[in-house]
Amino acid sequence: MDLSRVIIGQIVTEKAERLKGSRTYTLKVANQSTKIDVKAALKRYYDVDALDVRVMRVGSKSRDIRSGVMEKRHPYKKMIVRLDAKSKPLDIAAFKV
C-alpha cells in the first residue's frame, strides 16, 4: 500500500485529547492499512517512532426507515498509537514530502 495514503487524519474527541498527555494518539486510517504500514508512515512522513499500535474497526450506524435502511455513519478503521518517549509529539499538519 502507498504509505502516503495510509493515515487519513486524526480523531478529535474528549478521550483522544486526554490520551495525548500520555503520548497516545488516535488516527483514522485507510481500511486496507496494517499496523506495519502505520508505523512506517509515521516514521517516514512525520519523523516519530511508534512503540505500539492498536487497531479498531468502527462499525456503521444505521437506522430503519419505511423504504429500507438509512446509513448515518460509514464504517472506518482507527488505530491508537503510542509514541516513544524520545520522539517528538505528533503534528499531523507537518507532513514531510
N, C-alpha and C. Protein backbone atom coordinates (compact mmCIF):
# COMPACT_ATOMS: atom_id res chain seq x y z
N MET A 1 0.84 -1.18 0.00
CA MET A 1 0.00 0.00 0.00
C MET A 1 0.88 1.24 0.00
N ASP A 2 0.43 2.29 -0.69
CA ASP A 2 1.15 3.55 -0.75
C ASP A 2 1.12 4.21 0.63
N LEU A 3 2.29 4.43 1.23
CA LEU A 3 2.37 4.93 2.60
C LEU A 3 1.82 6.35 2.75
N SER A 4 1.79 7.13 1.68
CA SER A 4 1.28 8.49 1.80
C SER A 4 -0.24 8.52 1.96
N ARG A 5 -0.92 7.40 1.68
CA ARG A 5 -2.37 7.34 1.79
C ARG A 5 -2.84 6.49 2.97
N VAL A 6 -1.95 6.11 3.86
CA VAL A 6 -2.32 5.26 4.98
C VAL A 6 -3.09 6.05 6.04
N ILE A 7 -2.54 7.17 6.48
CA ILE A 7 -3.16 7.96 7.55
C ILE A 7 -4.09 8.99 6.93
N ILE A 8 -5.36 8.89 7.26
CA ILE A 8 -6.36 9.81 6.73
C ILE A 8 -6.43 11.08 7.58
N GLY A 9 -6.41 10.93 8.88
CA GLY A 9 -6.48 12.10 9.75
C GLY A 9 -6.49 11.70 11.21
N GLN A 10 -6.60 12.70 12.05
CA GLN A 10 -6.61 12.48 13.48
C GLN A 10 -8.04 12.54 13.98
N ILE A 11 -8.38 11.69 14.93
CA ILE A 11 -9.71 11.69 15.52
C ILE A 11 -9.66 12.58 16.76
N VAL A 12 -10.56 13.56 16.81
CA VAL A 12 -10.57 14.53 17.90
C VAL A 12 -11.82 14.31 18.74
N THR A 13 -11.65 13.69 19.89
CA THR A 13 -12.71 13.51 20.87
C THR A 13 -12.15 13.87 22.24
N GLU A 14 -12.99 13.89 23.24
CA GLU A 14 -12.52 14.20 24.59
C GLU A 14 -11.52 13.16 25.08
N LYS A 15 -11.81 11.91 24.82
CA LYS A 15 -10.91 10.84 25.25
C LYS A 15 -9.57 10.92 24.52
N ALA A 16 -9.61 11.19 23.21
CA ALA A 16 -8.37 11.29 22.43
C ALA A 16 -7.52 12.45 22.92
N GLU A 17 -8.14 13.55 23.32
CA GLU A 17 -7.39 14.69 23.84
C GLU A 17 -6.77 14.36 25.19
N ARG A 18 -7.46 13.59 26.02
CA ARG A 18 -6.89 13.18 27.32
C ARG A 18 -5.69 12.27 27.12
N LEU A 19 -5.75 11.40 26.11
CA LEU A 19 -4.67 10.44 25.89
C LEU A 19 -3.40 11.10 25.36
N LYS A 20 -3.51 12.29 24.77
CA LYS A 20 -2.32 12.97 24.25
C LYS A 20 -1.30 13.26 25.34
N GLY A 21 -1.75 13.41 26.58
CA GLY A 21 -0.82 13.64 27.69
C GLY A 21 0.11 12.46 27.93
N SER A 22 -0.35 11.28 27.59
CA SER A 22 0.49 10.08 27.75
C SER A 22 1.10 9.65 26.42
N ARG A 23 1.23 10.59 25.47
CA ARG A 23 1.85 10.37 24.17
C ARG A 23 1.14 9.29 23.35
N THR A 24 -0.19 9.28 23.45
CA THR A 24 -1.01 8.33 22.72
C THR A 24 -1.94 9.11 21.81
N TYR A 25 -1.97 8.75 20.52
CA TYR A 25 -2.74 9.47 19.51
C TYR A 25 -3.70 8.53 18.82
N THR A 26 -4.89 9.03 18.48
CA THR A 26 -5.91 8.26 17.79
C THR A 26 -5.99 8.75 16.35
N LEU A 27 -5.80 7.82 15.40
CA LEU A 27 -5.74 8.17 13.98
C LEU A 27 -6.78 7.40 13.19
N LYS A 28 -7.40 8.07 12.22
CA LYS A 28 -8.28 7.41 11.26
C LYS A 28 -7.39 6.98 10.10
N VAL A 29 -7.46 5.70 9.73
CA VAL A 29 -6.56 5.16 8.71
C VAL A 29 -7.38 4.49 7.61
N ALA A 30 -6.71 4.19 6.51
CA ALA A 30 -7.35 3.51 5.38
C ALA A 30 -7.73 2.09 5.78
N ASN A 31 -8.79 1.57 5.19
CA ASN A 31 -9.30 0.25 5.56
C ASN A 31 -8.31 -0.87 5.26
N GLN A 32 -7.45 -0.70 4.26
CA GLN A 32 -6.51 -1.76 3.88
C GLN A 32 -5.20 -1.69 4.66
N SER A 33 -5.00 -0.67 5.45
CA SER A 33 -3.71 -0.48 6.13
C SER A 33 -3.54 -1.47 7.28
N THR A 34 -2.28 -1.76 7.58
CA THR A 34 -1.93 -2.65 8.68
C THR A 34 -1.12 -1.87 9.71
N LYS A 35 -0.82 -2.54 10.82
CA LYS A 35 -0.01 -1.91 11.87
C LYS A 35 1.37 -1.54 11.33
N ILE A 36 1.93 -2.40 10.52
CA ILE A 36 3.25 -2.16 9.96
C ILE A 36 3.23 -0.96 9.02
N ASP A 37 2.17 -0.82 8.23
CA ASP A 37 2.03 0.34 7.34
C ASP A 37 1.96 1.63 8.13
N VAL A 38 1.20 1.63 9.23
CA VAL A 38 1.05 2.85 10.03
C VAL A 38 2.37 3.24 10.69
N LYS A 39 3.09 2.26 11.23
CA LYS A 39 4.39 2.55 11.84
C LYS A 39 5.37 3.12 10.81
N ALA A 40 5.38 2.53 9.63
CA ALA A 40 6.29 3.00 8.58
C ALA A 40 5.91 4.40 8.10
N ALA A 41 4.61 4.68 7.97
CA ALA A 41 4.17 6.01 7.53
C ALA A 41 4.49 7.06 8.58
N LEU A 42 4.32 6.74 9.85
CA LEU A 42 4.66 7.70 10.91
C LEU A 42 6.15 8.00 10.91
N LYS A 43 6.96 6.99 10.71
CA LYS A 43 8.41 7.18 10.70
C LYS A 43 8.85 8.00 9.48
N ARG A 44 8.27 7.70 8.32
CA ARG A 44 8.72 8.33 7.08
C ARG A 44 8.21 9.76 6.92
N TYR A 45 6.93 9.99 7.19
CA TYR A 45 6.33 11.29 6.89
C TYR A 45 6.22 12.24 8.08
N TYR A 46 6.27 11.71 9.31
CA TYR A 46 6.13 12.58 10.48
C TYR A 46 7.34 12.51 11.41
N ASP A 47 8.30 11.63 11.13
CA ASP A 47 9.54 11.51 11.88
C ASP A 47 9.31 11.24 13.37
N VAL A 48 8.40 10.31 13.67
CA VAL A 48 8.16 9.88 15.04
C VAL A 48 8.25 8.36 15.10
N ASP A 49 8.60 7.83 16.28
CA ASP A 49 8.72 6.40 16.48
C ASP A 49 7.53 5.90 17.30
N ALA A 50 6.81 4.91 16.78
CA ALA A 50 5.67 4.33 17.47
C ALA A 50 6.11 3.10 18.25
N LEU A 51 5.74 3.06 19.54
CA LEU A 51 6.04 1.88 20.35
C LEU A 51 5.06 0.76 20.05
N ASP A 52 3.77 1.07 20.12
CA ASP A 52 2.79 0.05 19.81
C ASP A 52 1.59 0.69 19.12
N VAL A 53 0.87 -0.16 18.40
CA VAL A 53 -0.29 0.27 17.62
C VAL A 53 -1.44 -0.69 17.91
N ARG A 54 -2.59 -0.14 18.26
CA ARG A 54 -3.79 -0.94 18.49
C ARG A 54 -4.82 -0.61 17.42
N VAL A 55 -5.51 -1.63 16.93
CA VAL A 55 -6.42 -1.49 15.79
C VAL A 55 -7.86 -1.69 16.25
N MET A 56 -8.75 -0.85 15.71
CA MET A 56 -10.18 -1.00 15.96
C MET A 56 -10.94 -0.71 14.68
N ARG A 57 -11.97 -1.47 14.45
CA ARG A 57 -12.89 -1.20 13.35
C ARG A 57 -14.17 -0.64 13.95
N VAL A 58 -14.55 0.54 13.48
CA VAL A 58 -15.78 1.18 13.95
C VAL A 58 -16.86 0.85 12.93
N GLY A 59 -17.92 0.23 13.40
CA GLY A 59 -19.00 -0.18 12.50
C GLY A 59 -19.88 0.98 12.07
N SER A 60 -20.68 0.72 11.08
CA SER A 60 -21.59 1.75 10.59
C SER A 60 -22.75 1.90 11.55
N LYS A 61 -23.35 3.07 11.51
CA LYS A 61 -24.53 3.33 12.32
C LYS A 61 -25.70 3.49 11.37
N SER A 62 -26.72 2.67 11.54
CA SER A 62 -27.83 2.71 10.59
C SER A 62 -29.16 2.88 11.34
N ARG A 63 -30.15 3.28 10.59
CA ARG A 63 -31.47 3.50 11.16
C ARG A 63 -32.51 2.97 10.19
N ASP A 64 -33.51 2.29 10.71
CA ASP A 64 -34.58 1.75 9.87
C ASP A 64 -35.55 2.86 9.50
N ILE A 65 -35.87 2.91 8.22
CA ILE A 65 -36.90 3.82 7.73
C ILE A 65 -37.91 3.01 6.93
N ARG A 66 -38.96 3.63 6.46
CA ARG A 66 -40.04 2.90 5.78
C ARG A 66 -39.55 2.14 4.55
N SER A 67 -38.72 2.78 3.76
CA SER A 67 -38.31 2.15 2.50
C SER A 67 -37.04 1.31 2.62
N GLY A 68 -36.52 1.11 3.81
CA GLY A 68 -35.32 0.29 3.97
C GLY A 68 -34.49 0.73 5.15
N VAL A 69 -33.20 0.88 4.91
CA VAL A 69 -32.26 1.24 5.97
C VAL A 69 -31.47 2.46 5.53
N MET A 70 -31.32 3.42 6.42
CA MET A 70 -30.53 4.62 6.14
C MET A 70 -29.23 4.52 6.93
N GLU A 71 -28.12 4.69 6.25
CA GLU A 71 -26.82 4.62 6.91
C GLU A 71 -26.43 6.02 7.36
N LYS A 72 -26.26 6.18 8.68
CA LYS A 72 -25.97 7.50 9.24
C LYS A 72 -24.47 7.75 9.37
N ARG A 73 -23.70 6.69 9.51
CA ARG A 73 -22.24 6.83 9.63
C ARG A 73 -21.59 5.65 8.93
N HIS A 74 -20.62 5.93 8.09
CA HIS A 74 -19.93 4.88 7.36
C HIS A 74 -18.93 4.17 8.26
N PRO A 75 -18.66 2.88 8.02
CA PRO A 75 -17.65 2.19 8.82
C PRO A 75 -16.25 2.68 8.47
N TYR A 76 -15.35 2.66 9.46
CA TYR A 76 -13.97 3.06 9.22
C TYR A 76 -13.06 2.32 10.19
N LYS A 77 -11.77 2.45 9.97
CA LYS A 77 -10.76 1.80 10.80
C LYS A 77 -9.97 2.88 11.52
N LYS A 78 -9.73 2.67 12.81
CA LYS A 78 -8.92 3.62 13.56
C LYS A 78 -7.84 2.87 14.31
N MET A 79 -6.75 3.57 14.55
CA MET A 79 -5.62 2.98 15.28
C MET A 79 -5.20 3.92 16.39
N ILE A 80 -4.90 3.34 17.53
CA ILE A 80 -4.40 4.10 18.67
C ILE A 80 -2.90 3.83 18.74
N VAL A 81 -2.11 4.89 18.62
CA VAL A 81 -0.65 4.79 18.50
C VAL A 81 -0.01 5.41 19.73
N ARG A 82 0.87 4.66 20.37
CA ARG A 82 1.64 5.20 21.50
C ARG A 82 3.05 5.46 21.01
N LEU A 83 3.53 6.68 21.24
CA LEU A 83 4.85 7.08 20.75
C LEU A 83 5.93 6.82 21.78
N ASP A 84 7.15 6.69 21.27
CA ASP A 84 8.32 6.51 22.11
C ASP A 84 8.56 7.79 22.92
N ALA A 85 9.11 7.66 24.11
CA ALA A 85 9.36 8.82 24.98
C ALA A 85 10.40 9.76 24.37
N LYS A 86 11.30 9.23 23.54
CA LYS A 86 12.35 10.06 22.93
C LYS A 86 11.89 10.80 21.69
N SER A 87 10.79 10.39 21.08
CA SER A 87 10.35 11.03 19.84
C SER A 87 9.57 12.31 20.14
N LYS A 88 9.49 13.18 19.15
CA LYS A 88 8.77 14.44 19.31
C LYS A 88 7.27 14.19 19.26
N PRO A 89 6.44 15.14 19.72
CA PRO A 89 4.99 14.97 19.64
C PRO A 89 4.52 14.92 18.18
N LEU A 90 3.44 14.22 17.94
CA LEU A 90 2.90 14.07 16.59
C LEU A 90 2.13 15.32 16.19
N ASP A 91 2.49 15.88 15.03
CA ASP A 91 1.78 17.01 14.45
C ASP A 91 1.33 16.59 13.06
N ILE A 92 0.04 16.31 12.91
CA ILE A 92 -0.49 15.80 11.64
C ILE A 92 -0.31 16.81 10.51
N ALA A 93 -0.32 18.10 10.84
CA ALA A 93 -0.19 19.14 9.82
C ALA A 93 1.22 19.22 9.24
N ALA A 94 2.21 18.66 9.93
CA ALA A 94 3.61 18.74 9.49
C ALA A 94 3.98 17.51 8.66
N PHE A 95 3.33 17.34 7.52
CA PHE A 95 3.56 16.20 6.62
C PHE A 95 4.83 16.47 5.81
N LYS A 96 5.83 15.58 5.93
CA LYS A 96 7.07 15.72 5.15
C LYS A 96 6.92 15.04 3.80
N VAL A 97 7.44 15.66 2.77
CA VAL A 97 7.37 15.07 1.43
C VAL A 97 8.65 14.34 1.12
